[in-house]
Amino acid sequence: MKIPTSIWTLLIGIVLTLASFWYGQNHGLLPAAATDEAVLVDGLFNAMMIVSTGIFLLVEGILIYSAFRYRQRAGDNKDGPPVEGNIPLEILWTAIPAIIVIGISVYSFDVYNEIGGFDPHAIHEAPMMNQESMAMPGSAMAATLSDTPPSTEPNLNQEKSDEAMQDPATAAVRNADQIPQLRNAPGVGSVAPTIGGTPDKAGKPAELQVNVTGLQYAWIFTYPETGITTGEMHVPIGREVQISMTANDVIHAFWVPEFRLKQDAIPGRQSEIRFTPQKAGDYTLICAELCGPYHGAMRAPVVVEPQEAFDKWMQEQLVASKETLNQAIAVNPADLSPNEFLAPYTKDMGIKPEILHQVHH
């Protein structure tokens, strides 16, 4: 009995759909999800993998079938039948990709909004360009790049920088006095790249604040609540963490693959990023912006641990910093420079001597 073409088409469609859904959920291409935000990003990625797998299997399957079914037979030298087009088919294969792209775009924006990336207040409260700037083509871009036009608007980058510099530990590692804090982009209100709190936490302070400073080629973490300075970041499970960062020299990028979040650290800008860790483990913070010849080595350990372990680590750091300070005051020989004397201690903290030299200067 010959099976009708419609039945074959239905069966093939079912097989392709099941295969696409299975692979989209079991591709194994991503590392473990360690934050609440990672779950949302993974859902978007899996959805795109399902769609991509289905399209790939369909297109490649048709190509392979056509190449075999309509191959030239031995002794057949006739021309193929002329095909001038099929309007309904062309409309179909234009409409379906358009619908897919629009659907993924809406889903992407929803995820971006859920992780706090979209702040409508930043647009409504943005300073407007004056008539002179609007009348001159390219003036807005020039103002953004040069930051020279006088403005009566508050410099929000400067305010955020001043707030961070109130912490003595942060002020000791940042050279904010040497890097001017840039103003907002005219008409945009962009203080800095920001991934804020989720909609239910928008406007509320995070449970833990960590100031991060990027410099060639290291990350330095300071905890304003305790004054701790370290070369590795520890965060507790289940508490929302706000990272406030900037750079001392060139653009760097804060990226922990398991967190699924990435943010630039820019000289003259105060970047923010929030996340809520949920999976204990040792992770690696990677600089994802080419920042110099040793860019590949700019990494730092990130430890996600239970609250009890985090509290114990904080206490150990406080005791160690106090003991280090007492030893430095008591036993520093006069013939050793600060860099030479502090080298053993900075090594224990994960800070290289050349980094300390850069901070000092």
Protein backbone atom coordinates (compact mmCIF):
# COMPACT_ATOMS: atom_id res chain seq x y z
CA MET A 1 0.00 0.00 0.00
CA LYS A 2 1.35 3.39 -1.00
CA ILE A 3 1.42 5.90 1.84
CA PRO A 4 0.06 9.31 0.80
CA THR A 5 2.48 12.22 0.61
CA SER A 6 0.50 14.16 3.24
CA ILE A 7 1.01 11.33 5.75
CA TRP A 8 4.75 11.24 5.02
CA THR A 9 4.93 15.01 5.47
CA LEU A 10 3.10 14.78 8.80
CA LEU A 11 5.33 11.99 10.10
CA ILE A 12 8.53 13.77 9.04
CA GLY A 13 7.27 16.98 10.69
CA ILE A 14 6.62 15.15 13.95
CA VAL A 15 10.07 13.52 13.92
CA LEU A 16 11.81 16.85 13.17
CA THR A 17 9.86 18.60 15.94
CA LEU A 18 10.68 15.94 18.53
CA ALA A 19 14.35 15.86 17.50
CA SER A 20 14.56 19.66 17.69
CA PHE A 21 12.97 19.82 21.15
CA TRP A 22 15.19 17.03 22.45
CA TYR A 23 18.42 18.56 21.19
CA GLY A 24 17.38 22.08 22.24
CA GLN A 25 17.07 20.86 25.84
CA ASN A 26 20.04 18.45 25.84
CA HIS A 27 22.74 20.15 23.75
CA GLY A 28 25.20 20.43 26.64
CA LEU A 29 26.83 23.52 25.15
CA LEU A 30 26.56 25.71 28.26
CA PRO A 31 28.36 25.42 31.61
CA ALA A 32 26.37 24.98 34.81
CA ALA A 33 23.90 27.76 35.59
CA ALA A 34 24.97 29.36 38.88
CA THR A 35 22.59 32.34 39.24
CA ASP A 36 18.90 33.12 38.99
CA GLU A 37 19.61 35.18 35.88
CA ALA A 38 21.37 32.25 34.22
CA VAL A 39 18.14 30.24 34.22
CA LEU A 40 16.37 32.96 32.22
CA VAL A 41 19.23 33.27 29.73
CA ASP A 42 19.42 29.49 29.32
CA GLY A 43 15.70 29.37 28.53
CA LEU A 44 16.22 31.88 25.71
CA PHE A 45 19.27 30.02 24.43
CA ASN A 46 17.42 26.69 24.46
CA ALA A 47 14.50 28.20 22.56
CA MET A 48 16.85 29.51 19.87
CA MET A 49 18.55 26.10 19.70
CA ILE A 50 15.18 24.39 19.18
CA VAL A 51 14.29 26.73 16.32
CA SER A 52 17.78 26.55 14.79
CA THR A 53 17.90 22.75 14.97
CA GLY A 54 14.49 22.40 13.34
CA ILE A 55 15.40 24.77 10.49
CA PHE A 56 18.76 23.08 9.98
CA LEU A 57 17.29 19.58 9.82
CA LEU A 58 14.49 20.71 7.50
CA VAL A 59 16.71 22.60 5.05
CA GLU A 60 19.51 20.05 5.00
CA GLY A 61 17.01 17.19 4.74
CA ILE A 62 15.34 18.77 1.70
CA LEU A 63 18.73 19.42 0.08
CA ILE A 64 19.91 15.83 0.58
CA TYR A 65 16.59 14.39 -0.57
CA SER A 66 16.54 16.63 -3.66
CA ALA A 67 20.14 15.83 -4.56
CA PHE A 68 19.35 12.10 -4.45
CA ARG A 69 15.80 12.14 -5.84
CA TYR A 70 16.45 14.45 -8.77
CA ARG A 71 19.98 13.41 -9.64
CA GLN A 72 20.88 13.01 -13.30
CA ARG A 73 20.30 9.44 -14.45
CA ALA A 74 22.69 7.56 -16.72
CA GLY A 75 22.03 8.44 -20.35
CA ASP A 76 19.62 11.27 -19.49
CA ASN A 77 20.97 14.40 -21.24
CA LYS A 78 17.70 16.34 -21.48
CA ASP A 79 17.26 19.79 -19.98
CA GLY A 80 15.36 20.06 -16.76
CA PRO A 81 11.82 21.48 -16.72
CA PRO A 82 11.72 25.31 -16.61
CA VAL A 83 10.58 26.62 -13.22
CA GLU A 84 9.65 30.31 -13.19
CA GLY A 85 8.61 30.69 -9.58
CA ASN A 86 5.93 30.01 -7.03
CA ILE A 87 4.43 33.10 -5.39
CA PRO A 88 2.65 31.33 -2.50
CA LEU A 89 5.85 29.42 -1.67
CA GLU A 90 7.93 32.61 -1.73
CA ILE A 91 5.44 34.35 0.58
CA LEU A 92 5.52 31.34 2.92
CA TRP A 93 9.32 31.13 3.25
CA THR A 94 9.47 34.91 3.78
CA ALA A 95 6.67 35.07 6.34
CA ILE A 96 7.82 32.13 8.48
CA PRO A 97 11.37 33.49 9.14
CA ALA A 98 9.90 36.94 9.83
CA ILE A 99 7.55 35.48 12.45
CA ILE A 100 10.41 33.50 14.01
CA VAL A 101 12.68 36.57 14.21
CA ILE A 102 9.93 38.72 15.74
CA GLY A 103 9.12 36.00 18.28
CA ILE A 104 12.75 35.59 19.35
CA SER A 105 13.13 39.39 19.54
CA VAL A 106 10.14 39.71 21.88
CA TYR A 107 11.39 36.80 24.01
CA SER A 108 14.91 38.32 24.14
CA PHE A 109 13.59 41.69 25.28
CA ASP A 110 11.48 40.00 27.94
CA VAL A 111 14.54 38.17 29.32
CA TYR A 112 16.61 41.36 29.16
CA ASN A 113 13.90 43.14 31.11
CA GLU A 114 13.59 40.32 33.66
CA ILE A 115 17.31 40.47 34.52
CA GLY A 116 17.02 44.23 35.04
CA GLY A 117 18.66 45.38 31.83
CA PHE A 118 15.89 47.73 30.77
CA ASP A 119 15.26 50.79 32.91
CA PRO A 120 12.51 53.01 31.45
CA HIS A 121 13.35 55.75 33.96
CA ALA A 122 16.77 56.17 32.34
CA ILE A 123 15.02 57.26 29.13
CA HIS A 124 12.34 59.47 30.64
CA GLU A 125 14.81 61.21 32.94
CA ALA A 126 17.45 61.67 30.22
CA PRO A 127 18.67 65.23 29.61
CA MET A 128 17.39 66.57 26.31
CA MET A 129 19.68 68.01 23.65
CA ASN A 130 19.41 71.72 23.10
CA GLN A 131 18.30 73.23 19.81
CA GLU A 132 21.85 74.09 18.79
CA SER A 133 22.98 70.47 19.18
CA MET A 134 19.99 69.17 17.23
CA ALA A 135 20.60 71.60 14.39
CA MET A 136 24.21 70.57 13.88
CA PRO A 137 24.63 67.11 12.31
CA GLY A 138 27.04 64.96 14.29
CA SER A 139 27.09 67.33 17.25
CA ALA A 140 25.49 64.78 19.57
CA MET A 141 28.15 62.20 18.71
CA ALA A 142 30.91 64.76 19.15
CA ALA A 143 29.51 65.74 22.53
CA THR A 144 29.42 62.11 23.60
CA LEU A 145 33.01 61.47 22.56
CA SER A 146 34.64 64.65 23.74
CA ASP A 147 32.49 65.39 26.82
CA THR A 148 33.49 69.03 26.44
CA PRO A 149 30.19 70.98 26.19
CA PRO A 150 29.29 72.64 29.51
CA SER A 151 26.24 71.19 31.18
CA THR A 152 24.14 72.11 34.18
CA GLU A 153 22.96 68.52 34.57
CA PRO A 154 24.42 66.58 37.52
CA ASN A 155 27.28 64.28 36.61
CA LEU A 156 25.84 60.96 37.78
CA ASN A 157 29.08 59.14 37.03
CA GLN A 158 30.89 61.53 39.34
CA GLU A 159 28.28 61.01 42.03
CA LYS A 160 28.61 57.24 41.82
CA SER A 161 32.39 57.53 41.81
CA ASP A 162 32.35 59.76 44.89
CA GLU A 163 30.06 57.31 46.64
CA ALA A 164 32.42 54.41 45.92
CA MET A 165 35.46 56.44 46.95
CA GLN A 166 33.99 56.97 50.42
CA ASP A 167 35.24 53.46 51.11
CA PRO A 168 38.96 53.85 51.97
CA ALA A 169 39.78 50.40 50.58
CA THR A 170 38.22 51.28 47.21
CA ALA A 171 39.89 54.71 47.15
CA ALA A 172 43.26 53.03 47.71
CA VAL A 173 43.06 50.98 44.50
CA ARG A 174 41.29 53.40 42.16
CA ASN A 175 42.89 56.38 40.49
CA ALA A 176 39.61 58.25 40.01
CA ASP A 177 41.37 61.57 40.57
CA GLN A 178 43.38 60.96 37.37
CA ILE A 179 40.44 59.85 35.19
CA PRO A 180 37.61 62.37 34.67
CA GLN A 181 34.14 60.94 35.16
CA LEU A 182 32.29 61.38 31.87
CA ARG A 183 28.84 62.87 31.69
CA ASN A 184 25.72 61.27 30.27
CA ALA A 185 25.36 60.87 26.55
CA PRO A 186 23.07 63.72 25.34
CA GLY A 187 19.50 62.60 24.80
CA VAL A 188 20.21 59.08 26.05
CA GLY A 189 20.91 59.44 29.75
CA SER A 190 23.39 56.57 29.76
CA VAL A 191 25.36 56.80 32.98
CA ALA A 192 27.16 53.57 32.23
CA PRO A 193 26.32 50.05 31.08
CA THR A 194 23.97 48.78 33.76
CA ILE A 195 22.21 45.52 34.46
CA GLY A 196 20.16 46.43 37.50
CA GLY A 197 17.83 44.59 39.78
CA THR A 198 14.95 42.52 38.44
CA PRO A 199 11.60 44.36 38.21
CA ASP A 200 10.54 43.17 41.68
CA LYS A 201 13.80 44.53 43.15
CA ALA A 202 14.14 47.69 41.06
CA GLY A 203 14.99 50.73 43.16
CA LYS A 204 15.91 48.63 46.19
CA PRO A 205 19.51 48.35 47.44
CA ALA A 206 21.23 45.02 46.90
CA GLU A 207 21.96 42.81 49.89
CA LEU A 208 25.72 42.81 49.25
CA GLN A 209 27.85 45.50 47.62
CA VAL A 210 31.19 44.66 46.00
CA ASN A 211 33.35 47.29 44.30
CA VAL A 212 35.44 45.92 41.44
CA THR A 213 38.39 47.66 39.84
CA GLY A 214 39.91 46.40 36.60
CA LEU A 215 43.45 47.18 35.62
CA GLN A 216 46.13 45.59 33.48
CA TYR A 217 46.03 42.71 34.23
CA ALA A 218 44.05 41.94 37.37
CA TRP A 219 40.75 42.35 39.16
CA ILE A 220 40.72 43.89 42.63
CA PHE A 221 37.67 43.44 44.85
CA THR A 222 36.78 45.64 47.81
CA TYR A 223 33.91 45.18 50.25
CA PRO A 224 32.75 48.63 51.45
CA GLU A 225 30.94 47.25 54.49
CA THR A 226 34.13 45.78 55.94
CA GLY A 227 36.99 47.48 54.10
CA ILE A 228 38.35 44.15 52.85
CA THR A 229 40.56 44.21 49.74
CA THR A 230 41.25 40.95 47.95
CA GLY A 231 42.22 39.41 44.65
CA GLU A 232 39.35 36.90 44.70
CA MET A 233 35.62 37.42 45.03
CA HIS A 234 33.45 35.54 47.52
CA VAL A 235 29.66 35.82 47.45
CA PRO A 236 26.98 33.99 49.48
CA ILE A 237 24.22 31.84 48.03
CA GLY A 238 20.77 33.37 47.81
CA ARG A 239 21.73 37.03 48.37
CA GLU A 240 21.52 39.61 45.60
CA VAL A 241 24.96 41.01 44.84
CA GLN A 242 25.60 44.38 43.23
CA ILE A 243 28.91 44.80 41.44
CA SER A 244 29.97 48.43 41.00
CA MET A 245 32.96 48.60 38.72
CA THR A 246 35.27 50.84 36.77
CA ALA A 247 38.73 50.58 35.21
CA ASN A 248 41.99 52.34 35.98
CA ASP A 249 43.47 52.24 32.48
CA VAL A 250 41.64 50.65 29.53
CA ILE A 251 38.29 48.96 28.94
CA HIS A 252 37.92 45.56 30.58
CA ALA A 253 34.88 43.26 30.75
CA PHE A 254 33.51 41.38 33.76
CA TRP A 255 32.39 37.90 32.64
CA VAL A 256 31.69 34.75 34.62
CA PRO A 257 30.32 32.20 32.11
CA GLU A 258 28.29 30.35 34.75
CA PHE A 259 26.51 33.61 35.69
CA ARG A 260 25.51 34.30 32.03
CA LEU A 261 26.13 38.01 32.55
CA LYS A 262 28.78 40.25 31.04
CA GLN A 263 29.51 43.90 31.72
CA ASP A 264 32.19 46.37 30.62
CA ALA A 265 34.44 48.14 33.12
CA ILE A 266 35.16 51.51 31.49
CA PRO A 267 37.56 54.27 32.58
CA GLY A 268 35.48 57.31 33.51
CA ARG A 269 32.27 55.29 33.79
CA GLN A 270 30.65 53.57 36.76
CA SER A 271 29.19 50.26 35.57
CA GLU A 272 26.79 48.18 37.61
CA ILE A 273 25.61 44.61 37.46
CA ARG A 274 23.38 42.61 39.80
CA PHE A 275 22.94 38.88 40.19
CA THR A 276 21.77 36.35 42.73
CA PRO A 277 24.06 33.28 43.11
CA GLN A 278 22.29 29.96 43.61
CA LYS A 279 24.88 27.22 42.98
CA ALA A 280 27.90 26.78 45.22
CA GLY A 281 31.23 26.28 43.51
CA ASP A 282 34.51 27.75 42.35
CA TYR A 283 34.24 29.81 39.16
CA THR A 284 36.52 32.02 37.12
CA LEU A 285 36.09 35.70 36.34
CA ILE A 286 37.38 36.32 32.82
CA CYS A 287 38.17 39.63 31.14
CA ALA A 288 36.15 39.47 27.92
CA GLU A 289 37.57 42.66 26.38
CA LEU A 290 40.96 42.67 24.64
CA CYS A 291 42.92 44.88 27.03
CA GLY A 292 46.56 44.27 26.13
CA PRO A 293 49.19 41.60 25.46
CA TYR A 294 48.45 39.71 28.70
CA HIS A 295 44.67 39.91 28.32
CA GLY A 296 44.35 36.11 28.34
CA ALA A 297 45.86 35.90 31.82
CA MET A 298 43.47 38.43 33.37
CA ARG A 299 41.43 36.04 35.46
CA ALA A 300 40.31 35.89 39.06
CA PRO A 301 38.68 33.19 41.21
CA VAL A 302 35.02 33.61 42.18
CA VAL A 303 33.69 31.52 45.06
CA VAL A 304 29.97 31.01 45.63
CA GLU A 305 29.40 29.51 49.07
CA PRO A 306 26.81 29.16 51.85
CA GLN A 307 26.27 32.14 54.13
CA GLU A 308 28.12 30.47 57.02
CA ALA A 309 31.22 29.85 54.89
CA PHE A 310 31.05 33.40 53.53
CA ASP A 311 30.88 34.88 57.04
CA LYS A 312 33.85 32.75 58.09
CA TRP A 313 35.86 33.92 55.06
CA MET A 314 35.03 37.55 55.83
CA GLN A 315 36.19 37.12 59.41
CA GLU A 316 39.42 35.48 58.27
CA GLN A 317 40.08 38.37 55.89
CA LEU A 318 39.49 40.93 58.63
CA VAL A 319 41.87 39.13 60.99
CA ALA A 320 44.48 38.67 58.26
CA SER A 321 44.34 42.33 57.21
CA LYS A 322 44.72 43.47 60.81
CA GLU A 323 47.66 41.14 61.42
CA THR A 324 49.28 42.23 58.16
CA LEU A 325 48.96 45.89 59.13
CA ASN A 326 50.42 45.27 62.60
CA GLN A 327 53.34 43.34 61.14
CA ALA A 328 53.97 46.02 58.55
CA ILE A 329 54.14 48.72 61.23
CA ALA A 330 56.27 46.66 63.58
CA VAL A 331 58.86 44.93 61.41
CA ASN A 332 59.28 46.82 58.15
CA PRO A 333 63.02 47.37 57.71
CA ALA A 334 63.96 50.85 56.60
CA ASP A 335 65.92 49.52 53.62
CA LEU A 336 62.87 47.89 51.95
CA SER A 337 60.54 49.78 49.64
CA PRO A 338 56.78 49.42 50.23
CA ASN A 339 56.48 47.23 47.12
CA GLU A 340 59.28 44.94 48.25
CA PHE A 341 58.00 44.63 51.79
CA LEU A 342 54.37 44.04 50.84
CA ALA A 343 55.19 41.50 48.11
CA PRO A 344 54.68 38.39 50.35
CA TYR A 345 51.36 39.70 51.63
CA THR A 346 50.01 40.75 48.25
CA LYS A 347 50.99 37.32 46.92
CA ASP A 348 48.79 35.70 49.57
CA MET A 349 45.93 37.97 48.46
CA GLY A 350 46.39 37.00 44.81
CA ILE A 351 47.67 40.47 43.81
CA LYS A 352 50.79 40.57 41.68
CA PRO A 353 53.61 43.02 42.62
CA GLU A 354 53.34 44.91 39.33
CA ILE A 355 49.67 45.55 40.04
CA LEU A 356 50.55 47.06 43.41
CA HIS A 357 53.10 49.25 41.65
CA GLN A 358 50.45 50.51 39.22
CA VAL A 359 48.04 51.30 42.04
CA HIS A 360 50.73 53.13 43.98
CA HIS A 361 51.49 55.36 40.98
